Amino acid sequence: MPFTTHQTRLTGVLLLEPKVFSDERGFFYESFNQRELTQALGTPVTFVQDNHSQSKKNVLRGLHYQIKQTQGKLVRVTRGEVFDVCVNLQTGHPQFGQWAGFHLNAENKQHLWIPPGFAHGFLILSDVAEFMYKTTDYYSPEHERSLLWNDPSIGIEWPLTGQPILAQKDVKASLLAHAEVFNLTCSRC
């Protein structure tokens, strides 16, 4: 098996640790294997888009989601380090409004599976970071929403050093109490 799967405190969110083969030449690992991911998730997923971003220290991207054309995301860091966060936005779920955070970096090579129904964001901890992710649906600007990164009702403990650098849409993001959320029932709660 090319990776070890770890359940997280949020149902459906998985931390994937790849088997890395290293020697004096460098390293090799499978960064994606459809069969293994399907086995880990218990259901097949199809990815339709790959995204790659580069950001500098203290940039905070998120918390983003699409209210329609919902996206599952398989995320990883190829350079630097980020603090990656997801928030459950499924009103029918007992973990609605709860968050989990993960230190993803080029050294640990861990991947995170974030299923549809979650807001997602990340804070750059290194001088520069490159972040890559696969999505299960296409980007749809008319359906994109932003949840306020520092909403006190969620209480995310960001490892900040100073003020974050935000996009305008993230400055104007919604509080959870006013956000459009998913009216889903969870079959695996």
Protein backbone atom coordinates (compact mmCIF):
# COMPACT_ATOMS: atom_id res chain seq x y z
CA MET A 1 0.00 0.00 0.00
CA PRO A 2 1.56 3.35 -0.99
CA PHE A 3 0.25 5.25 2.06
CA THR A 4 -0.99 4.81 5.61
CA THR A 5 -4.42 6.27 6.35
CA HIS A 6 -5.12 8.06 9.63
CA GLN A 7 -8.63 8.97 10.76
CA THR A 8 -8.87 12.50 12.13
CA ARG A 9 -11.20 13.92 14.75
CA LEU A 10 -13.54 15.07 11.94
CA THR A 11 -15.55 12.29 10.33
CA GLY A 12 -14.60 11.84 6.69
CA VAL A 13 -11.38 13.90 6.86
CA LEU A 14 -8.35 11.62 6.38
CA LEU A 15 -4.63 12.22 6.79
CA LEU A 16 -2.66 10.14 4.27
CA GLU A 17 0.99 9.37 4.95
CA PRO A 18 2.82 8.08 1.87
CA LYS A 19 5.49 5.41 1.88
CA VAL A 20 8.63 7.29 0.93
CA PHE A 21 11.65 5.45 -0.46
CA SER A 22 14.84 7.43 0.23
CA ASP A 23 18.51 6.83 -0.46
CA GLU A 24 21.62 8.84 -1.30
CA ARG A 25 20.03 9.89 -4.63
CA GLY A 26 16.92 11.45 -3.08
CA PHE A 27 13.40 10.06 -2.64
CA PHE A 28 10.49 8.54 -4.52
CA TYR A 29 6.84 8.07 -3.56
CA GLU A 30 3.46 7.68 -5.21
CA SER A 31 1.69 10.99 -4.67
CA PHE A 32 -1.60 9.61 -5.98
CA ASN A 33 -3.03 6.13 -6.54
CA GLN A 34 -6.72 5.91 -7.49
CA ARG A 35 -7.17 2.32 -6.30
CA GLU A 36 -5.60 3.02 -2.88
CA LEU A 37 -7.58 6.21 -2.34
CA THR A 38 -10.83 4.45 -3.25
CA GLN A 39 -10.00 1.72 -0.74
CA ALA A 40 -9.17 4.29 1.98
CA LEU A 41 -12.37 6.30 1.38
CA GLY A 42 -14.62 3.29 0.83
CA THR A 43 -16.00 4.93 -2.30
CA PRO A 44 -14.49 6.02 -5.62
CA VAL A 45 -13.78 9.68 -6.29
CA THR A 46 -13.02 11.32 -9.60
CA PHE A 47 -10.76 14.35 -9.78
CA VAL A 48 -11.37 16.90 -12.53
CA GLN A 49 -8.95 19.71 -11.70
CA ASP A 50 -5.46 20.16 -10.22
CA ASN A 51 -4.50 23.47 -8.58
CA HIS A 52 -1.08 24.78 -7.56
CA SER A 53 -0.47 27.95 -5.55
CA GLN A 54 2.59 29.68 -4.17
CA SER A 55 2.34 32.06 -1.24
CA LYS A 56 4.62 33.90 1.15
CA LYS A 57 4.77 33.74 4.95
CA ASN A 58 1.62 34.82 6.85
CA VAL A 59 -0.65 34.57 3.79
CA LEU A 60 -3.93 33.02 4.90
CA ARG A 61 -6.08 31.60 2.11
CA GLY A 62 -9.61 30.69 3.11
CA LEU A 63 -11.79 29.47 4.47
CA HIS A 64 -13.29 28.62 1.06
CA TYR A 65 -16.01 26.30 -0.19
CA GLN A 66 -18.51 26.04 -3.03
CA ILE A 67 -22.17 25.92 -2.05
CA LYS A 68 -23.02 24.18 -5.36
CA GLN A 69 -20.61 22.07 -7.39
CA THR A 70 -19.17 21.05 -4.04
CA GLN A 71 -15.57 19.97 -4.06
CA GLY A 72 -13.74 17.19 -2.31
CA LYS A 73 -10.05 18.08 -2.11
CA LEU A 74 -6.86 16.05 -1.86
CA VAL A 75 -4.23 18.54 -0.67
CA ARG A 76 -0.45 18.50 -0.12
CA VAL A 77 2.54 20.81 0.22
CA THR A 78 5.51 20.43 -2.14
CA ARG A 79 7.62 23.31 -0.78
CA GLY A 80 7.63 24.87 2.67
CA GLU A 81 5.00 24.42 5.40
CA VAL A 82 1.37 25.36 5.98
CA PHE A 83 -1.18 25.01 8.74
CA ASP A 84 -4.14 23.49 6.91
CA VAL A 85 -7.67 23.82 8.33
CA CYS A 86 -11.07 22.38 7.49
CA VAL A 87 -14.44 23.22 9.06
CA ASN A 88 -17.51 20.99 8.89
CA LEU A 89 -20.40 22.94 7.32
CA GLN A 90 -22.96 20.10 7.17
CA THR A 91 -25.98 21.15 9.25
CA GLY A 92 -27.20 17.58 9.66
CA HIS A 93 -23.88 16.44 11.11
CA PRO A 94 -23.09 16.26 14.85
CA GLN A 95 -19.70 17.91 14.13
CA PHE A 96 -21.22 20.95 12.40
CA GLY A 97 -19.01 24.02 12.98
CA GLN A 98 -16.07 22.01 14.31
CA TRP A 99 -12.59 22.41 12.87
CA ALA A 100 -9.35 20.46 12.61
CA GLY A 101 -5.87 21.72 11.75
CA PHE A 102 -2.83 19.94 10.33
CA HIS A 103 0.81 20.86 9.75
CA LEU A 104 1.51 19.84 6.16
CA ASN A 105 4.98 20.36 4.72
CA ALA A 106 7.42 19.22 2.07
CA GLU A 107 9.29 17.15 4.67
CA ASN A 108 6.41 15.00 5.97
CA LYS A 109 4.79 14.74 2.50
CA GLN A 110 1.42 14.08 4.10
CA HIS A 111 -1.79 14.50 2.12
CA LEU A 112 -5.16 15.51 3.49
CA TRP A 113 -8.52 14.37 2.10
CA ILE A 114 -11.24 16.96 2.72
CA PRO A 115 -14.66 15.72 1.58
CA PRO A 116 -17.41 17.94 0.14
CA GLY A 117 -19.31 19.83 2.83
CA PHE A 118 -16.25 21.41 4.45
CA ALA A 119 -14.71 24.88 4.27
CA HIS A 120 -10.96 24.80 3.72
CA GLY A 121 -8.07 27.19 4.24
CA PHE A 122 -4.39 27.34 5.04
CA LEU A 123 -1.81 29.64 6.61
CA ILE A 124 1.75 29.82 5.26
CA LEU A 125 4.27 29.14 8.05
CA SER A 126 7.50 29.10 6.00
CA ASP A 127 9.02 31.96 4.02
CA VAL A 128 7.40 30.52 0.88
CA ALA A 129 5.13 27.52 0.35
CA GLU A 130 3.77 25.72 -2.67
CA PHE A 131 0.42 24.05 -2.18
CA MET A 132 -1.13 21.54 -4.59
CA TYR A 133 -4.58 20.01 -4.58
CA LYS A 134 -6.92 17.92 -6.66
CA THR A 135 -10.65 18.70 -6.72
CA THR A 136 -13.68 16.55 -7.46
CA ASP A 137 -15.53 19.36 -9.24
CA TYR A 138 -14.53 22.41 -11.24
CA TYR A 139 -13.97 25.85 -9.77
CA SER A 140 -17.22 27.81 -9.93
CA PRO A 141 -16.79 31.48 -8.94
CA GLU A 142 -20.55 32.09 -8.72
CA HIS A 143 -20.85 29.32 -6.10
CA GLU A 144 -17.69 30.12 -4.12
CA ARG A 145 -18.19 31.27 -0.55
CA SER A 146 -15.79 32.33 2.21
CA LEU A 147 -16.16 31.66 5.91
CA LEU A 148 -14.45 34.20 8.18
CA TRP A 149 -11.07 32.81 9.21
CA ASN A 150 -11.26 34.18 12.77
CA ASP A 151 -14.95 33.59 13.55
CA PRO A 152 -15.02 33.35 17.37
CA SER A 153 -17.87 30.81 17.26
CA ILE A 154 -15.51 28.36 15.52
CA GLY A 155 -12.37 29.29 17.46
CA ILE A 156 -9.62 28.14 15.11
CA GLU A 157 -6.24 28.31 16.82
CA TRP A 158 -4.10 29.63 13.96
CA PRO A 159 -0.34 29.62 14.72
CA LEU A 160 0.00 33.27 13.67
CA THR A 161 3.04 35.49 13.99
CA GLY A 162 1.47 38.91 13.43
CA GLN A 163 -1.50 39.75 11.25
CA PRO A 164 -2.32 37.44 8.33
CA ILE A 165 -2.21 38.65 4.75
CA LEU A 166 -5.71 38.19 3.31
CA ALA A 167 -7.49 38.53 -0.01
CA GLN A 168 -10.34 41.04 -0.02
CA LYS A 169 -12.93 38.24 -0.28
CA ASP A 170 -11.53 36.73 2.93
CA VAL A 171 -11.64 40.05 4.77
CA LYS A 172 -15.36 40.29 3.88
CA ALA A 173 -16.14 36.61 4.56
CA SER A 174 -19.24 35.47 6.46
CA LEU A 175 -19.52 34.44 10.06
CA LEU A 176 -20.77 30.86 10.48
CA ALA A 177 -24.07 32.19 11.87
CA HIS A 178 -24.73 34.00 8.56
CA ALA A 179 -23.00 31.64 6.10
CA GLU A 180 -24.66 29.52 3.46
CA VAL A 181 -24.07 25.96 4.62
CA PHE A 182 -24.84 22.44 3.46
CA ASN A 183 -28.12 20.86 4.50
CA LEU A 184 -26.76 17.32 4.37
CA THR A 185 -27.26 14.23 6.39
CA CYS A 186 -24.19 12.16 6.97
CA SER A 187 -24.44 8.44 6.29
CA ARG A 188 -21.06 7.76 7.97
CA CYS A 189 -21.47 9.90 11.13
